[in-house]
Amino acid sequence: MRKLTGGYDPRVEDNVTTLKSLLEIATARNLTYHILTPSKKTDTLPRFDKTVTSPDIIFLLSFTTAQRSALLASSSTLALLYTPTNEHFGIVPVEAMACGVPVLACNTGGPTESVVNSPEIEKTGWLRPPDPEIWAEALHGIVELSVDERTMLAHRAKVRARSQFGMDIMAGKIEAALLEAVRMGPIEEGLQRSFILGFVASALVVIFAVWLAL
């Protein structure tokens, strides 16, 4: 059995079409599946849901913070797939690394800072272009990891998450950025207020998310 989990909002067309596409692929390959969702409103879900006792695939649409933590800590979780391209930061890969879960992410945006793709002795995950065949190849490699390889990768991931994105480290980086901004000199009053409020708000969101993950 394989579990596929992720955020799902029926108001977002891309979410709806992606789920339908996955279900169509499963059906075409004669794979049984079941859809689980914490919401009681299922009228927006695809109509061809197959409910069986032991499905090949479970699609878990959205989940609570506690469920997220349980999934990341589960020994049956083989990898976390982070599909957004050009993401500004992306806390999800850091959360996965903090739990020792291998990460497969697009090779653009924030994951290029958080996930180490090479050299092999420092590797904490895989960064690949958003191409299905390339991701399938990477996933095959993740599934085939030996116990020792997975253990070493998990250790490196946890160390990186804490040493680069822990509370004290992030606070220090934010302080350094603020001091650098001061050294750059004054800016117009309106822009200054907007910049500071926006920067502090963003920083607090990142720190809180990292704190929850760690």
Protein backbone atom coordinates (compact mmCIF):
# COMPACT_ATOMS: atom_id res chain seq x y z
CA MET A 1 0.00 0.00 0.00
CA ARG A 2 1.19 3.52 -0.81
CA LYS A 3 -0.07 6.70 0.83
CA LEU A 4 -0.14 10.00 -1.07
CA THR A 5 -0.82 12.98 1.16
CA GLY A 6 -1.06 16.70 0.66
CA GLY A 7 -3.05 19.88 1.05
CA TYR A 8 -6.25 19.93 -0.98
CA ASP A 9 -8.62 22.83 -1.54
CA PRO A 10 -11.62 22.14 -3.80
CA ARG A 11 -11.78 25.87 -4.58
CA VAL A 12 -8.39 25.67 -6.31
CA GLU A 13 -8.80 24.35 -9.84
CA ASP A 14 -5.24 23.03 -10.00
CA ASN A 15 -5.88 20.90 -6.90
CA VAL A 16 -9.02 19.42 -8.41
CA THR A 17 -7.50 18.66 -11.81
CA THR A 18 -4.36 17.17 -10.24
CA LEU A 19 -6.38 14.77 -8.08
CA LYS A 20 -8.54 13.73 -11.04
CA SER A 21 -5.42 13.12 -13.11
CA LEU A 22 -3.89 10.93 -10.38
CA LEU A 23 -7.08 8.91 -10.06
CA GLU A 24 -7.29 8.43 -13.81
CA ILE A 25 -3.69 7.18 -13.87
CA ALA A 26 -4.44 4.76 -11.03
CA THR A 27 -7.54 3.48 -12.82
CA ALA A 28 -5.65 3.05 -16.09
CA ARG A 29 -3.11 0.87 -14.26
CA ASN A 30 -5.77 -1.18 -12.46
CA LEU A 31 -4.70 0.14 -9.07
CA THR A 32 -7.33 0.32 -6.35
CA TYR A 33 -7.49 3.40 -4.18
CA HIS A 34 -9.40 5.14 -1.45
CA ILE A 35 -9.75 8.86 -0.76
CA LEU A 36 -9.63 10.09 2.82
CA THR A 37 -10.42 13.64 3.83
CA PRO A 38 -11.06 15.25 7.24
CA SER A 39 -13.88 17.28 5.71
CA LYS A 40 -17.42 15.92 5.69
CA LYS A 41 -18.13 17.75 2.46
CA THR A 42 -17.23 15.29 -0.26
CA ASP A 43 -19.51 16.61 -3.01
CA THR A 44 -16.53 18.27 -4.71
CA LEU A 45 -14.53 15.04 -4.89
CA PRO A 46 -14.31 13.02 -8.10
CA ARG A 47 -17.23 10.64 -8.54
CA PHE A 48 -15.21 7.55 -9.43
CA ASP A 49 -13.77 6.87 -5.98
CA LYS A 50 -13.05 3.16 -5.44
CA THR A 51 -13.60 2.06 -1.85
CA VAL A 52 -11.96 -1.27 -1.04
CA THR A 53 -10.76 -2.91 2.16
CA SER A 54 -7.04 -2.91 1.29
CA PRO A 55 -6.45 -0.44 -1.55
CA ASP A 56 -3.15 -0.15 -3.40
CA ILE A 57 -3.14 3.61 -2.79
CA ILE A 58 -4.62 5.87 -0.13
CA PHE A 59 -5.04 9.52 -1.09
CA LEU A 60 -5.09 11.61 2.10
CA LEU A 61 -6.40 15.05 1.22
CA SER A 62 -5.29 17.64 3.76
CA PHE A 63 -4.45 16.77 7.34
CA THR A 64 -4.00 18.30 10.75
CA THR A 65 -0.70 19.40 12.28
CA ALA A 66 -0.72 16.29 14.47
CA GLN A 67 -1.33 14.06 11.45
CA ARG A 68 1.48 15.81 9.58
CA SER A 69 3.90 15.17 12.42
CA ALA A 70 2.82 11.52 12.63
CA LEU A 71 3.30 11.06 8.88
CA LEU A 72 6.77 12.63 8.90
CA ALA A 73 7.81 10.54 11.90
CA SER A 74 6.41 7.28 10.53
CA SER A 75 8.91 4.61 9.49
CA SER A 76 6.69 3.85 6.49
CA THR A 77 7.20 7.35 5.05
CA LEU A 78 9.81 6.90 2.35
CA ALA A 79 10.06 10.44 0.96
CA LEU A 80 8.54 13.88 0.81
CA LEU A 81 7.82 15.29 -2.65
CA TYR A 82 7.83 19.08 -2.82
CA THR A 83 6.41 20.04 -6.21
CA PRO A 84 6.19 23.88 -6.27
CA THR A 85 8.57 25.65 -8.66
CA ASN A 86 10.31 28.92 -7.80
CA GLU A 87 9.04 28.75 -4.22
CA HIS A 88 10.31 31.75 -2.22
CA PHE A 89 11.47 29.57 0.70
CA GLY A 90 9.35 26.53 1.42
CA ILE A 91 9.22 25.39 5.04
CA VAL A 92 8.00 21.91 4.12
CA PRO A 93 11.40 20.53 3.02
CA VAL A 94 12.93 21.80 6.27
CA GLU A 95 10.17 20.10 8.27
CA ALA A 96 10.88 16.85 6.44
CA MET A 97 14.64 17.11 6.96
CA ALA A 98 14.11 17.82 10.67
CA CYS A 99 12.35 14.44 10.81
CA GLY A 100 15.02 12.69 8.73
CA VAL A 101 12.75 12.17 5.71
CA PRO A 102 14.38 12.23 2.24
CA VAL A 103 13.22 15.22 0.19
CA LEU A 104 12.64 15.35 -3.56
CA ALA A 105 12.04 18.93 -4.72
CA CYS A 106 12.23 21.12 -7.79
CA ASN A 107 15.65 22.60 -8.48
CA THR A 108 14.41 26.19 -8.24
CA GLY A 109 13.67 28.67 -5.48
CA GLY A 110 13.91 27.99 -1.75
CA PRO A 111 14.71 24.26 -1.84
CA THR A 112 18.02 25.02 -3.53
CA GLU A 113 19.00 26.71 -0.25
CA SER A 114 17.56 24.17 2.19
CA VAL A 115 18.14 20.85 0.39
CA VAL A 116 21.67 19.64 -0.39
CA ASN A 117 21.75 17.65 -3.63
CA SER A 118 25.51 17.08 -3.80
CA PRO A 119 28.23 16.11 -2.99
CA GLU A 120 27.10 12.65 -1.94
CA ILE A 121 28.67 12.84 1.52
CA GLU A 122 26.60 15.97 2.30
CA LYS A 123 23.42 14.96 0.48
CA THR A 124 20.09 15.57 2.30
CA GLY A 125 17.76 15.16 -0.69
CA TRP A 126 17.26 15.39 -4.43
CA LEU A 127 16.77 18.50 -6.55
CA ARG A 128 15.37 17.81 -10.00
CA PRO A 129 13.69 19.75 -12.82
CA PRO A 130 9.88 19.39 -12.84
CA ASP A 131 9.82 16.49 -15.30
CA PRO A 132 7.77 13.34 -14.46
CA GLU A 133 10.29 10.90 -15.92
CA ILE A 134 13.20 12.50 -14.08
CA TRP A 135 11.24 12.48 -10.82
CA ALA A 136 10.27 8.84 -11.35
CA GLU A 137 13.95 7.95 -11.73
CA ALA A 138 14.83 9.85 -8.56
CA LEU A 139 11.98 8.19 -6.66
CA HIS A 140 13.19 4.79 -7.75
CA GLY A 141 16.59 5.63 -6.26
CA ILE A 142 14.99 6.78 -3.00
CA VAL A 143 12.93 3.62 -2.67
CA GLU A 144 16.03 1.49 -3.34
CA LEU A 145 18.13 3.13 -0.59
CA SER A 146 19.67 0.63 1.77
CA VAL A 147 19.02 0.87 5.49
CA ASP A 148 22.51 2.30 6.08
CA GLU A 149 22.15 4.85 3.27
CA ARG A 150 18.78 5.98 4.57
CA THR A 151 20.09 6.23 8.13
CA MET A 152 23.08 8.36 7.11
CA LEU A 153 20.95 10.61 4.91
CA ALA A 154 18.44 11.06 7.75
CA HIS A 155 21.25 12.06 10.12
CA ARG A 156 22.65 14.61 7.67
CA ALA A 157 19.17 16.04 7.05
CA LYS A 158 18.45 16.47 10.76
CA VAL A 159 21.81 18.12 11.39
CA ARG A 160 21.32 20.56 8.49
CA ALA A 161 17.77 21.46 9.53
CA ARG A 162 18.88 22.32 13.03
CA SER A 163 22.24 23.94 12.22
CA GLN A 164 20.96 26.13 9.38
CA PHE A 165 17.30 26.73 10.18
CA GLY A 166 16.99 26.34 13.96
CA MET A 167 15.47 29.08 16.09
CA ASP A 168 18.75 30.69 17.23
CA ILE A 169 20.31 30.49 13.75
CA MET A 170 17.30 32.06 12.03
CA ALA A 171 17.07 34.80 14.67
CA GLY A 172 20.77 35.57 14.15
CA LYS A 173 20.33 35.75 10.38
CA ILE A 174 17.35 38.08 10.74
CA GLU A 175 19.30 40.33 13.11
CA ALA A 176 22.22 40.45 10.68
CA ALA A 177 19.89 41.33 7.81
CA LEU A 178 18.27 44.13 9.83
CA LEU A 179 21.67 45.55 10.79
CA GLU A 180 22.73 45.43 7.16
CA ALA A 181 19.55 47.29 6.20
CA VAL A 182 20.37 50.00 8.77
CA ARG A 183 23.88 50.36 7.36
CA MET A 184 22.40 50.97 3.91
CA GLY A 185 21.02 54.29 5.15
CA PRO A 186 17.59 55.87 5.42
CA ILE A 187 14.77 55.41 2.91
CA GLU A 188 11.48 57.21 2.48
CA GLU A 189 9.36 57.06 5.63
CA GLY A 190 6.38 55.28 4.05
CA LEU A 191 8.53 52.71 2.33
CA GLN A 192 10.59 52.21 5.48
CA ARG A 193 7.55 51.40 7.59
CA SER A 194 6.16 48.98 4.97
CA PHE A 195 9.54 47.28 4.55
CA ILE A 196 10.09 46.75 8.27
CA LEU A 197 6.57 45.48 8.93
CA GLY A 198 6.70 43.13 5.95
CA PHE A 199 10.15 41.84 6.84
CA VAL A 200 9.32 41.25 10.50
CA ALA A 201 6.01 39.56 9.66
CA SER A 202 7.70 37.22 7.18
CA ALA A 203 10.50 36.46 9.62
CA LEU A 204 8.07 35.61 12.40
CA VAL A 205 6.15 33.24 10.13
CA VAL A 206 9.36 31.41 9.15
CA ILE A 207 10.64 31.20 12.73
CA PHE A 208 7.30 29.92 14.03
CA ALA A 209 7.09 27.30 11.29
CA VAL A 210 10.66 26.12 11.97
CA TRP A 211 9.91 26.01 15.69
CA LEU A 212 6.90 23.77 15.06
CA ALA A 213 8.99 21.50 12.85
CA LEU A 214 11.87 21.18 15.30
